[in-house]
Amino acid sequence: MSPGSRRPCRKRIPMRDWELTDREILYEGFFRLARYHLRHERFDGAWSPVLQREIFERGHAAAVLPYDPDTDRIALIEQFRPGALEAASGPWLLEFVAGIIEAGETPEDVVRREAVEEADCTIGRLEWICRYHVSPGGSTETTALFIGQASLDGVGGVHGNADEHEDIQVHIVDATEAIAMADDGRISNAMGLIGLNWFARHHERLRSEWRARPD
C-alpha cells in the first residue's frame, strides 16, 4: 500500500544497496505477517549474509491533531488498545485522530474522514508535521502526521465506527495542558509525543497565522 503523498527530505542519508531474495506470507488476516529473506551492503563495503526477518505489513496511516486557534484548545481521543495491556497506566490511551490509508486515498483524505468518524469535527486548513516510521525493525508501517484547524465548540462525547467496534471518547484540552501531558507521561504513544513536541515549538506561530487568516 502506498504511503500517499510525499514531502521532500532536506538532507538524505547516502543510499546503500540491498536485495530482497524471497518473501513468504506467514499469515494474512486483518493484518499480514511476512518473512523476508534479504541481504544488504555493510558499512565496510562488504555484503551481509542472507538474513531472515519476520515483518508486520500493516499498511500506512495518517493522523491529525485538531486545533482550534480561537479558543487555543486541541482535541484528543481516548480508546482501548490491546497492545498496551501491560502498561502501568492501563490500555486506554490518549491519542490523535488517525486511520489507515486505503487504496486511492491521500493522507489528507484520511485525516479529514477520521476526524468526522472519531471526533465529530470538521478539519479546515491542514499543516504537515512529518512522516515517521512506526517501528522499522519489524514493521513496514509509516504515519503521516498533520495538525488541522477546527472549531471545537460543542465537540466531545463518544464516537467511532460501530462496524469496527470503535468506542472513542473525545477530550477537549487547553493547548498548554496538552503540551504538559506530553512532558509528564500522560501521552505515551509515538504520534502523540512527536506531534505535541512539534506543536510546542510552533504553537504561537500557528495560532497567530490561523487567527489572522480564518477559513
C-alpha atoms as a PDB file:
ATOM      1  CA  MET A   1       0.000   0.000   0.000  1.00  0.00           C
ATOM      2  CA  SER A   2       1.341   3.390  -0.919  1.00  0.00           C
ATOM      3  CA  PRO A   3       2.186   5.790   1.908  1.00  0.00           C
ATOM      4  CA  GLY A   4       0.439   8.516  -0.080  1.00  0.00           C
ATOM      5  CA  SER A   5       1.711  11.990  -0.808  1.00  0.00           C
ATOM      6  CA  ARG A   6       5.374  12.644  -0.078  1.00  0.00           C
ATOM      7  CA  ARG A   7       7.265  15.646   1.196  1.00  0.00           C
ATOM      8  CA  PRO A   8      10.849  16.438   0.141  1.00  0.00           C
ATOM      9  CA  CYS A   9      13.613  15.410   2.532  1.00  0.00           C
ATOM     10  CA  ARG A  10      16.035  18.251   3.149  1.00  0.00           C
ATOM     11  CA  LYS A  11      19.065  16.036   3.688  1.00  0.00           C
ATOM     12  CA  ARG A  12      19.238  12.399   2.675  1.00  0.00           C
ATOM     13  CA  ILE A  13      21.391   9.679   4.178  1.00  0.00           C
ATOM     14  CA  PRO A  14      23.679   8.149   1.492  1.00  0.00           C
ATOM     15  CA  MET A  15      21.871   5.199  -0.099  1.00  0.00           C
ATOM     16  CA  ARG A  16      23.464   1.753   0.106  1.00  0.00           C
ATOM     17  CA  ASP A  17      22.388  -1.348  -1.787  1.00  0.00           C
ATOM     18  CA  TRP A  18      20.154  -4.176  -0.625  1.00  0.00           C
ATOM     19  CA  GLU A  19      18.465  -7.227  -2.140  1.00  0.00           C
ATOM     20  CA  LEU A  20      15.220  -8.988  -1.204  1.00  0.00           C
ATOM     21  CA  THR A  21      15.753 -12.599  -2.315  1.00  0.00           C
ATOM     22  CA  ASP A  22      12.422 -14.044  -1.155  1.00  0.00           C
ATOM     23  CA  ARG A  23       9.239 -13.108   0.701  1.00  0.00           C
ATOM     24  CA  GLU A  24       6.933 -15.647   2.366  1.00  0.00           C
ATOM     25  CA  ILE A  25       3.436 -14.842   3.638  1.00  0.00           C
ATOM     26  CA  LEU A  26       3.126 -16.471   7.066  1.00  0.00           C
ATOM     27  CA  TYR A  27      -0.291 -15.100   7.992  1.00  0.00           C
ATOM     28  CA  GLU A  28      -2.889 -12.899   6.315  1.00  0.00           C
ATOM     29  CA  GLY A  29      -5.990 -11.642   8.088  1.00  0.00           C
ATOM     30  CA  PHE A  30      -6.809  -8.138   9.284  1.00  0.00           C
ATOM     31  CA  PHE A  31      -3.019  -7.614   9.104  1.00  0.00           C
ATOM     32  CA  ARG A  32      -0.286  -9.548   7.321  1.00  0.00           C
ATOM     33  CA  LEU A  33       2.889 -11.190   8.608  1.00  0.00           C
ATOM     34  CA  ALA A  34       5.668 -11.954   6.118  1.00  0.00           C
ATOM     35  CA  ARG A  35       9.144 -13.471   6.349  1.00  0.00           C
ATOM     36  CA  TYR A  36      11.743 -11.552   4.336  1.00  0.00           C
ATOM     37  CA  HIS A  37      14.930 -13.165   3.061  1.00  0.00           C
ATOM     38  CA  LEU A  38      17.323 -10.323   2.353  1.00  0.00           C
ATOM     39  CA  ARG A  39      20.882  -9.095   2.393  1.00  0.00           C
ATOM     40  CA  HIS A  40      22.372  -5.624   2.419  1.00  0.00           C
ATOM     41  CA  GLU A  41      25.585  -3.753   1.845  1.00  0.00           C
ATOM     42  CA  ARG A  42      27.551  -3.218   5.050  1.00  0.00           C
ATOM     43  CA  PHE A  43      29.303  -0.017   6.115  1.00  0.00           C
ATOM     44  CA  ASP A  44      32.688  -1.581   5.256  1.00  0.00           C
ATOM     45  CA  GLY A  45      31.537  -2.233   1.669  1.00  0.00           C
ATOM     46  CA  ALA A  46      31.081  -5.993   2.063  1.00  0.00           C
ATOM     47  CA  TRP A  47      27.686  -7.722   1.895  1.00  0.00           C
ATOM     48  CA  SER A  48      25.822  -9.305   4.787  1.00  0.00           C
ATOM     49  CA  PRO A  49      24.747 -12.945   4.623  1.00  0.00           C
ATOM     50  CA  VAL A  50      21.118 -13.595   3.685  1.00  0.00           C
ATOM     51  CA  LEU A  51      19.052 -12.694   6.744  1.00  0.00           C
ATOM     52  CA  GLN A  52      15.548 -13.832   7.692  1.00  0.00           C
ATOM     53  CA  ARG A  53      13.261 -11.319   9.352  1.00  0.00           C
ATOM     54  CA  GLU A  54       9.549 -11.576  10.217  1.00  0.00           C
ATOM     55  CA  ILE A  55       7.907  -8.295   9.191  1.00  0.00           C
ATOM     56  CA  PHE A  56       4.470  -6.973  10.158  1.00  0.00           C
ATOM     57  CA  GLU A  57       2.923  -5.495   6.988  1.00  0.00           C
ATOM     58  CA  ARG A  58       0.259  -3.183   8.368  1.00  0.00           C
ATOM     59  CA  GLY A  59      -0.016  -0.614   5.600  1.00  0.00           C
ATOM     60  CA  HIS A  60       0.397   3.123   6.244  1.00  0.00           C
ATOM     61  CA  ALA A  61      -1.505   5.539   8.436  1.00  0.00           C
ATOM     62  CA  ALA A  62      -2.292   9.229   8.721  1.00  0.00           C
ATOM     63  CA  ALA A  63      -3.038  11.191  11.896  1.00  0.00           C
ATOM     64  CA  VAL A  64      -4.143  14.706  12.799  1.00  0.00           C
ATOM     65  CA  LEU A  65      -4.247  16.895  15.892  1.00  0.00           C
ATOM     66  CA  PRO A  66      -7.411  19.062  15.636  1.00  0.00           C
ATOM     67  CA  TYR A  67      -6.575  22.549  16.910  1.00  0.00           C
ATOM     68  CA  ASP A  68      -8.914  25.480  17.492  1.00  0.00           C
ATOM     69  CA  PRO A  69      -6.838  28.687  17.330  1.00  0.00           C
ATOM     70  CA  ASP A  70      -9.725  30.863  18.530  1.00  0.00           C
ATOM     71  CA  THR A  71     -10.057  29.056  21.874  1.00  0.00           C
ATOM     72  CA  ASP A  72      -6.474  27.680  21.926  1.00  0.00           C
ATOM     73  CA  ARG A  73      -7.670  24.137  22.542  1.00  0.00           C
ATOM     74  CA  ILE A  74      -6.959  20.761  20.947  1.00  0.00           C
ATOM     75  CA  ALA A  75      -8.949  17.536  20.646  1.00  0.00           C
ATOM     76  CA  LEU A  76      -7.535  14.226  21.848  1.00  0.00           C
ATOM     77  CA  ILE A  77      -9.259  10.858  21.633  1.00  0.00           C
ATOM     78  CA  GLU A  78      -9.148   8.039  24.167  1.00  0.00           C
ATOM     79  CA  GLN A  79      -9.641   4.394  23.266  1.00  0.00           C
ATOM     80  CA  PHE A  80      -8.767   0.852  24.363  1.00  0.00           C
ATOM     81  CA  ARG A  81      -5.520  -0.559  22.921  1.00  0.00           C
ATOM     82  CA  PRO A  82      -4.838  -4.299  23.464  1.00  0.00           C
ATOM     83  CA  GLY A  83      -1.134  -3.799  22.721  1.00  0.00           C
ATOM     84  CA  ALA A  84      -0.905  -1.704  25.903  1.00  0.00           C
ATOM     85  CA  LEU A  85      -2.438  -4.261  28.276  1.00  0.00           C
ATOM     86  CA  GLU A  86       0.712  -4.288  30.413  1.00  0.00           C
ATOM     87  CA  ALA A  87       1.116  -0.501  30.525  1.00  0.00           C
ATOM     88  CA  ALA A  88       1.322   0.845  34.077  1.00  0.00           C
ATOM     89  CA  SER A  89      -1.464   3.336  33.340  1.00  0.00           C
ATOM     90  CA  GLY A  90      -3.663   0.749  31.631  1.00  0.00           C
ATOM     91  CA  PRO A  91      -4.654   0.082  28.000  1.00  0.00           C
ATOM     92  CA  TRP A  92      -6.807   3.205  27.464  1.00  0.00           C
ATOM     93  CA  LEU A  93      -4.576   5.681  25.630  1.00  0.00           C
ATOM     94  CA  LEU A  94      -4.891   9.359  24.748  1.00  0.00           C
ATOM     95  CA  GLU A  95      -4.114   9.744  21.059  1.00  0.00           C
ATOM     96  CA  PHE A  96      -4.531  11.818  17.908  1.00  0.00           C
ATOM     97  CA  VAL A  97      -7.286  11.116  15.409  1.00  0.00           C
ATOM     98  CA  ALA A  98      -5.852   8.535  12.985  1.00  0.00           C
ATOM     99  CA  GLY A  99      -6.661   5.914  10.380  1.00  0.00           C
ATOM    100  CA  ILE A 100      -5.208   3.576   7.776  1.00  0.00           C
ATOM    101  CA  ILE A 101      -4.649   4.940   4.255  1.00  0.00           C
ATOM    102  CA  GLU A 102      -6.773   2.866   1.900  1.00  0.00           C
ATOM    103  CA  ALA A 103      -6.178   2.369  -1.828  1.00  0.00           C
ATOM    104  CA  GLY A 104      -6.870   5.584  -3.752  1.00  0.00           C
ATOM    105  CA  GLU A 105      -6.739   7.799  -0.650  1.00  0.00           C
ATOM    106  CA  THR A 106      -4.266  10.516   0.268  1.00  0.00           C
ATOM    107  CA  PRO A 107      -3.191  11.102   3.873  1.00  0.00           C
ATOM    108  CA  GLU A 108      -5.178  14.341   3.762  1.00  0.00           C
ATOM    109  CA  ASP A 109      -8.304  12.395   2.750  1.00  0.00           C
ATOM    110  CA  VAL A 110      -7.827  10.028   5.671  1.00  0.00           C
ATOM    111  CA  VAL A 111      -7.455  12.624   8.420  1.00  0.00           C
ATOM    112  CA  ARG A 112     -10.491  14.576   7.224  1.00  0.00           C
ATOM    113  CA  ARG A 113     -12.592  11.391   7.155  1.00  0.00           C
ATOM    114  CA  GLU A 114     -11.342  10.120  10.503  1.00  0.00           C
ATOM    115  CA  ALA A 115     -11.875  13.488  12.220  1.00  0.00           C
ATOM    116  CA  VAL A 116     -15.595  13.185  11.459  1.00  0.00           C
ATOM    117  CA  GLU A 117     -15.803   9.486  12.420  1.00  0.00           C
ATOM    118  CA  GLU A 118     -13.717   9.608  15.601  1.00  0.00           C
ATOM    119  CA  ALA A 119     -14.270  13.139  16.936  1.00  0.00           C
ATOM    120  CA  ASP A 120     -17.311  14.514  15.077  1.00  0.00           C
ATOM    121  CA  CYS A 121     -15.344  17.577  13.955  1.00  0.00           C
ATOM    122  CA  THR A 122     -14.512  19.084  10.586  1.00  0.00           C
ATOM    123  CA  ILE A 123     -10.936  19.873   9.624  1.00  0.00           C
ATOM    124  CA  GLY A 124     -10.245  23.041   7.655  1.00  0.00           C
ATOM    125  CA  ARG A 125      -6.669  24.102   6.955  1.00  0.00           C
ATOM    126  CA  LEU A 126      -4.025  21.373   7.314  1.00  0.00           C
ATOM    127  CA  GLU A 127      -0.343  21.788   8.125  1.00  0.00           C
ATOM    128  CA  TRP A 128       2.142  18.987   7.548  1.00  0.00           C
ATOM    129  CA  ILE A 129       4.257  17.879  10.514  1.00  0.00           C
ATOM    130  CA  CYS A 130       6.222  14.825   9.325  1.00  0.00           C
ATOM    131  CA  ARG A 131       6.123  11.212   8.224  1.00  0.00           C
ATOM    132  CA  TYR A 132       7.785   8.753  10.593  1.00  0.00           C
ATOM    133  CA  HIS A 133       8.476   5.005  10.687  1.00  0.00           C
ATOM    134  CA  VAL A 134       6.432   3.465  13.486  1.00  0.00           C
ATOM    135  CA  SER A 135       8.731   0.502  14.241  1.00  0.00           C
ATOM    136  CA  PRO A 136      11.048  -0.111  11.273  1.00  0.00           C
ATOM    137  CA  GLY A 137      12.864  -3.037  12.890  1.00  0.00           C
ATOM    138  CA  GLY A 138       9.753  -5.174  12.461  1.00  0.00           C
ATOM    139  CA  SER A 139       7.002  -3.285  10.619  1.00  0.00           C
ATOM    140  CA  THR A 140       6.522  -1.549   7.274  1.00  0.00           C
ATOM    141  CA  GLU A 141       4.088   0.995   8.724  1.00  0.00           C
ATOM    142  CA  THR A 142       4.640   4.738   8.453  1.00  0.00           C
ATOM    143  CA  THR A 143       2.445   7.524   9.778  1.00  0.00           C
ATOM    144  CA  ALA A 144       1.847  10.866   8.038  1.00  0.00           C
ATOM    145  CA  LEU A 145       1.236  13.450  10.746  1.00  0.00           C
ATOM    146  CA  PHE A 146      -0.706  16.736  10.487  1.00  0.00           C
ATOM    147  CA  ILE A 147      -2.204  19.473  12.596  1.00  0.00           C
ATOM    148  CA  GLY A 148      -5.628  20.588  11.435  1.00  0.00           C
ATOM    149  CA  GLN A 149      -7.623  23.744  12.012  1.00  0.00           C
ATOM    150  CA  ALA A 150     -11.003  23.008  13.570  1.00  0.00           C
ATOM    151  CA  SER A 151     -13.765  24.682  15.545  1.00  0.00           C
ATOM    152  CA  LEU A 152     -14.082  22.668  18.750  1.00  0.00           C
ATOM    153  CA  ASP A 153     -17.155  24.414  20.155  1.00  0.00           C
ATOM    154  CA  GLY A 154     -19.602  21.676  21.125  1.00  0.00           C
ATOM    155  CA  VAL A 155     -17.161  18.871  20.214  1.00  0.00           C
ATOM    156  CA  GLY A 156     -16.982  15.964  22.667  1.00  0.00           C
ATOM    157  CA  GLY A 157     -18.769  12.780  23.616  1.00  0.00           C
ATOM    158  CA  VAL A 158     -18.296   9.194  22.464  1.00  0.00           C
ATOM    159  CA  HIS A 159     -17.871   8.348  18.779  1.00  0.00           C
ATOM    160  CA  GLY A 160     -16.422   5.744  16.427  1.00  0.00           C
ATOM    161  CA  ASN A 161     -17.407   3.314  13.698  1.00  0.00           C
ATOM    162  CA  ALA A 162     -19.740   0.699  15.177  1.00  0.00           C
ATOM    163  CA  ASP A 163     -18.871  -1.793  12.417  1.00  0.00           C
ATOM    164  CA  GLU A 164     -15.239  -1.651  13.604  1.00  0.00           C
ATOM    165  CA  HIS A 165     -16.250  -1.882  17.298  1.00  0.00           C
ATOM    166  CA  GLU A 166     -14.749   1.532  17.994  1.00  0.00           C
ATOM    167  CA  ASP A 167     -15.517   3.116  21.360  1.00  0.00           C
ATOM    168  CA  ILE A 168     -13.828   6.530  21.341  1.00  0.00           C
ATOM    169  CA  GLN A 169     -14.074   9.267  23.951  1.00  0.00           C
ATOM    170  CA  VAL A 170     -13.201  12.805  22.816  1.00  0.00           C
ATOM    171  CA  HIS A 171     -11.363  15.138  25.212  1.00  0.00           C
ATOM    172  CA  ILE A 172     -11.008  18.880  24.598  1.00  0.00           C
ATOM    173  CA  VAL A 173      -7.835  20.169  26.259  1.00  0.00           C
ATOM    174  CA  ASP A 174      -6.182  23.594  26.548  1.00  0.00           C
ATOM    175  CA  ALA A 175      -3.085  23.791  24.343  1.00  0.00           C
ATOM    176  CA  THR A 176      -0.667  24.403  27.220  1.00  0.00           C
ATOM    177  CA  GLU A 177      -2.158  21.488  29.172  1.00  0.00           C
ATOM    178  CA  ALA A 178      -1.812  19.178  26.162  1.00  0.00           C
ATOM    179  CA  ILE A 179       1.885  20.078  25.848  1.00  0.00           C
ATOM    180  CA  ALA A 180       2.324  19.350  29.581  1.00  0.00           C
ATOM    181  CA  MET A 181       0.697  15.938  29.044  1.00  0.00           C
ATOM    182  CA  ALA A 182       3.459  15.031  26.608  1.00  0.00           C
ATOM    183  CA  ASP A 183       6.060  16.051  29.179  1.00  0.00           C
ATOM    184  CA  ASP A 184       4.629  14.237  32.211  1.00  0.00           C
ATOM    185  CA  GLY A 185       3.775  10.885  30.624  1.00  0.00           C
ATOM    186  CA  ARG A 186       0.015  11.159  30.254  1.00  0.00           C
ATOM    187  CA  ILE A 187       0.634  10.922  26.497  1.00  0.00           C
ATOM    188  CA  SER A 188       2.692   7.775  25.915  1.00  0.00           C
ATOM    189  CA  ASN A 189       2.308   6.897  22.225  1.00  0.00           C
ATOM    190  CA  ALA A 190       4.635   7.907  19.402  1.00  0.00           C
ATOM    191  CA  MET A 191       2.245  10.006  17.314  1.00  0.00           C
ATOM    192  CA  GLY A 192       1.150  11.995  20.374  1.00  0.00           C
ATOM    193  CA  LEU A 193       4.683  12.648  21.580  1.00  0.00           C
ATOM    194  CA  ILE A 194       6.017  13.558  18.137  1.00  0.00           C
ATOM    195  CA  GLY A 195       3.036  15.740  17.284  1.00  0.00           C
ATOM    196  CA  LEU A 196       2.823  17.588  20.590  1.00  0.00           C
ATOM    197  CA  ASN A 197       6.557  18.270  20.673  1.00  0.00           C
ATOM    198  CA  TRP A 198       6.212  19.805  17.203  1.00  0.00           C
ATOM    199  CA  PHE A 199       3.132  21.720  18.379  1.00  0.00           C
ATOM    200  CA  ALA A 200       5.013  23.102  21.390  1.00  0.00           C
ATOM    201  CA  ARG A 201       7.605  24.652  19.074  1.00  0.00           C
ATOM    202  CA  HIS A 202       5.083  26.031  16.542  1.00  0.00           C
ATOM    203  CA  HIS A 203       2.101  26.784  18.783  1.00  0.00           C
ATOM    204  CA  GLU A 204       2.320  30.583  18.919  1.00  0.00           C
ATOM    205  CA  ARG A 205       3.170  30.962  15.229  1.00  0.00           C
ATOM    206  CA  LEU A 206       0.328  28.676  14.184  1.00  0.00           C
ATOM    207  CA  ARG A 207      -2.244  30.357  16.407  1.00  0.00           C
ATOM    208  CA  SER A 208      -1.285  33.790  15.090  1.00  0.00           C
ATOM    209  CA  GLU A 209      -1.388  32.721  11.428  1.00  0.00           C
ATOM    210  CA  TRP A 210      -4.661  30.817  11.632  1.00  0.00           C
ATOM    211  CA  ARG A 211      -6.465  33.521  13.604  1.00  0.00           C
ATOM    212  CA  ALA A 212      -5.266  36.129  11.114  1.00  0.00           C
ATOM    213  CA  ARG A 213      -6.459  34.061   8.115  1.00  0.00           C
ATOM    214  CA  PRO A 214      -9.548  32.097   9.188  1.00  0.00           C
ATOM    215  CA  ASP A 215     -11.116  29.719   6.655  1.00  0.00           C
END
